[in-house]
Amino acid sequence: MLASFERGKNNWAANVSGVIGAGSAGAALGFPVCGVACGSIGAKTGVTLWAWATGVTGGF
């Protein structure tokens, strides 16, 4: 089943790199505000927003 998705919209490598990038960007934005706590919240928010945007645009 995964083979049928590799050439379509759902590419696991793109999903993994997207999640990592979104989490890193969120952490980078949150960390300077209040340290580790905001960095963690920023990372979670970044991943959530990435998943929402990918779902809305038909990336899944």
N, C-alpha and C. Protein backbone atom coordinates (compact mmCIF):
# COMPACT_ATOMS: atom_id res chain seq x y z
N MET A 1 0.80 -1.19 0.00
CA MET A 1 0.00 0.00 0.00
C MET A 1 0.86 1.27 0.00
N LEU A 2 1.94 1.29 0.75
CA LEU A 2 2.79 2.48 0.77
C LEU A 2 3.37 2.80 -0.60
N ALA A 3 3.65 1.77 -1.37
CA ALA A 3 4.22 1.99 -2.70
C ALA A 3 3.27 2.80 -3.57
N SER A 4 1.98 2.62 -3.38
CA SER A 4 1.02 3.36 -4.20
C SER A 4 0.99 4.84 -3.84
N PHE A 5 1.44 5.21 -2.67
CA PHE A 5 1.43 6.61 -2.26
C PHE A 5 2.73 7.34 -2.59
N GLU A 6 3.80 6.63 -2.85
CA GLU A 6 5.10 7.28 -3.03
C GLU A 6 5.12 8.25 -4.19
N ARG A 7 4.38 7.96 -5.24
CA ARG A 7 4.38 8.86 -6.39
C ARG A 7 3.22 9.85 -6.33
N GLY A 8 2.37 9.71 -5.32
CA GLY A 8 1.22 10.60 -5.19
C GLY A 8 1.50 11.74 -4.23
N LYS A 9 0.45 12.23 -3.64
CA LYS A 9 0.56 13.37 -2.73
C LYS A 9 1.25 12.99 -1.43
N ASN A 10 0.98 11.79 -0.93
CA ASN A 10 1.49 11.40 0.38
C ASN A 10 2.86 10.77 0.24
N ASN A 11 3.88 11.53 0.50
CA ASN A 11 5.26 11.08 0.41
C ASN A 11 5.83 11.10 1.84
N TRP A 12 6.18 9.93 2.36
CA TRP A 12 6.61 9.84 3.75
C TRP A 12 7.85 10.67 4.04
N ALA A 13 8.78 10.71 3.10
CA ALA A 13 9.99 11.51 3.31
C ALA A 13 9.65 12.99 3.44
N ALA A 14 8.74 13.47 2.59
CA ALA A 14 8.32 14.87 2.67
C ALA A 14 7.57 15.13 3.97
N ASN A 15 6.75 14.19 4.40
CA ASN A 15 6.02 14.35 5.66
C ASN A 15 6.97 14.45 6.84
N VAL A 16 7.95 13.57 6.89
CA VAL A 16 8.91 13.57 8.00
C VAL A 16 9.71 14.87 8.01
N SER A 17 10.22 15.28 6.85
CA SER A 17 11.01 16.51 6.81
C SER A 17 10.13 17.73 7.11
N GLY A 18 8.87 17.69 6.70
CA GLY A 18 7.95 18.78 7.00
C GLY A 18 7.69 18.92 8.48
N VAL A 19 7.47 17.80 9.15
CA VAL A 19 7.23 17.83 10.60
C VAL A 19 8.47 18.31 11.34
N ILE A 20 9.62 17.83 10.95
CA ILE A 20 10.86 18.24 11.62
C ILE A 20 11.10 19.73 11.40
N GLY A 21 10.91 20.19 10.18
CA GLY A 21 11.10 21.61 9.88
C GLY A 21 10.13 22.50 10.65
N ALA A 22 8.87 22.08 10.70
CA ALA A 22 7.86 22.86 11.41
C ALA A 22 8.14 22.89 12.91
N GLY A 23 8.54 21.76 13.46
CA GLY A 23 8.87 21.71 14.89
C GLY A 23 10.08 22.56 15.22
N SER A 24 11.08 22.50 14.37
CA SER A 24 12.29 23.30 14.59
C SER A 24 12.00 24.79 14.50
N ALA A 25 11.20 25.17 13.50
CA ALA A 25 10.87 26.59 13.34
C ALA A 25 10.06 27.09 14.53
N GLY A 26 9.10 26.29 14.98
CA GLY A 26 8.30 26.68 16.14
C GLY A 26 9.14 26.82 17.39
N ALA A 27 10.05 25.88 17.59
CA ALA A 27 10.93 25.96 18.76
C ALA A 27 11.84 27.18 18.68
N ALA A 28 12.34 27.47 17.49
CA ALA A 28 13.22 28.63 17.32
C ALA A 28 12.49 29.94 17.61
N LEU A 29 11.21 29.99 17.28
CA LEU A 29 10.42 31.19 17.57
C LEU A 29 10.06 31.29 19.06
N GLY A 30 9.76 30.17 19.69
CA GLY A 30 9.31 30.19 21.07
C GLY A 30 10.41 30.30 22.10
N PHE A 31 11.57 29.71 21.84
CA PHE A 31 12.64 29.64 22.83
C PHE A 31 13.10 31.01 23.33
N PRO A 32 13.30 32.00 22.45
CA PRO A 32 13.76 33.31 22.96
C PRO A 32 12.73 34.01 23.86
N VAL A 33 11.46 33.65 23.74
CA VAL A 33 10.43 34.33 24.52
C VAL A 33 10.54 33.97 26.00
N CYS A 34 10.55 32.68 26.32
CA CYS A 34 10.61 32.29 27.74
C CYS A 34 11.36 30.98 27.95
N GLY A 35 12.29 30.68 27.08
CA GLY A 35 13.14 29.51 27.27
C GLY A 35 12.52 28.20 26.82
N VAL A 36 12.85 27.16 27.55
CA VAL A 36 12.48 25.80 27.16
C VAL A 36 10.96 25.60 27.09
N ALA A 37 10.23 26.17 28.02
CA ALA A 37 8.78 25.98 28.03
C ALA A 37 8.14 26.52 26.75
N CYS A 38 8.50 27.74 26.36
CA CYS A 38 7.93 28.32 25.14
C CYS A 38 8.49 27.63 23.89
N GLY A 39 9.72 27.16 23.97
CA GLY A 39 10.28 26.41 22.84
C GLY A 39 9.50 25.14 22.59
N SER A 40 9.12 24.45 23.67
CA SER A 40 8.33 23.23 23.55
C SER A 40 6.94 23.52 23.00
N ILE A 41 6.31 24.57 23.51
CA ILE A 41 4.99 24.96 23.03
C ILE A 41 5.07 25.38 21.56
N GLY A 42 6.10 26.12 21.21
CA GLY A 42 6.29 26.55 19.82
C GLY A 42 6.48 25.38 18.88
N ALA A 43 7.25 24.38 19.31
CA ALA A 43 7.47 23.20 18.48
C ALA A 43 6.16 22.46 18.24
N LYS A 44 5.37 22.28 19.30
CA LYS A 44 4.08 21.59 19.16
C LYS A 44 3.13 22.37 18.27
N THR A 45 3.11 23.69 18.44
CA THR A 45 2.24 24.53 17.63
C THR A 45 2.68 24.51 16.17
N GLY A 46 3.98 24.54 15.92
CA GLY A 46 4.48 24.49 14.55
C GLY A 46 4.06 23.22 13.84
N VAL A 47 4.16 22.09 14.52
CA VAL A 47 3.76 20.81 13.94
C VAL A 47 2.25 20.78 13.69
N THR A 48 1.48 21.30 14.63
CA THR A 48 0.02 21.33 14.48
C THR A 48 -0.37 22.18 13.27
N LEU A 49 0.23 23.36 13.15
CA LEU A 49 -0.09 24.22 12.01
C LEU A 49 0.34 23.60 10.69
N TRP A 50 1.49 22.91 10.69
CA TRP A 50 1.95 22.23 9.48
C TRP A 50 0.95 21.16 9.07
N ALA A 51 0.50 20.36 10.03
CA ALA A 51 -0.46 19.29 9.73
C ALA A 51 -1.77 19.86 9.21
N TRP A 52 -2.23 20.96 9.81
CA TRP A 52 -3.47 21.60 9.36
C TRP A 52 -3.31 22.11 7.92
N ALA A 53 -2.24 22.83 7.65
CA ALA A 53 -2.03 23.40 6.32
C ALA A 53 -1.87 22.31 5.27
N THR A 54 -1.17 21.24 5.61
CA THR A 54 -0.99 20.14 4.67
C THR A 54 -2.31 19.45 4.40
N GLY A 55 -3.12 19.26 5.42
CA GLY A 55 -4.43 18.64 5.24
C GLY A 55 -5.37 19.49 4.42
N VAL A 56 -5.39 20.79 4.68
CA VAL A 56 -6.29 21.70 3.97
C VAL A 56 -5.92 21.79 2.49
N THR A 57 -4.64 21.74 2.19
CA THR A 57 -4.21 21.87 0.80
C THR A 57 -4.19 20.53 0.07
N GLY A 58 -4.62 19.47 0.73
CA GLY A 58 -4.69 18.16 0.07
C GLY A 58 -3.39 17.40 0.05
N GLY A 59 -2.48 17.73 0.94
CA GLY A 59 -1.19 17.06 0.97
C GLY A 59 -1.21 15.67 1.55
N PHE A 60 -2.28 15.31 2.25
CA PHE A 60 -2.36 13.98 2.85
C PHE A 60 -3.12 13.05 1.96
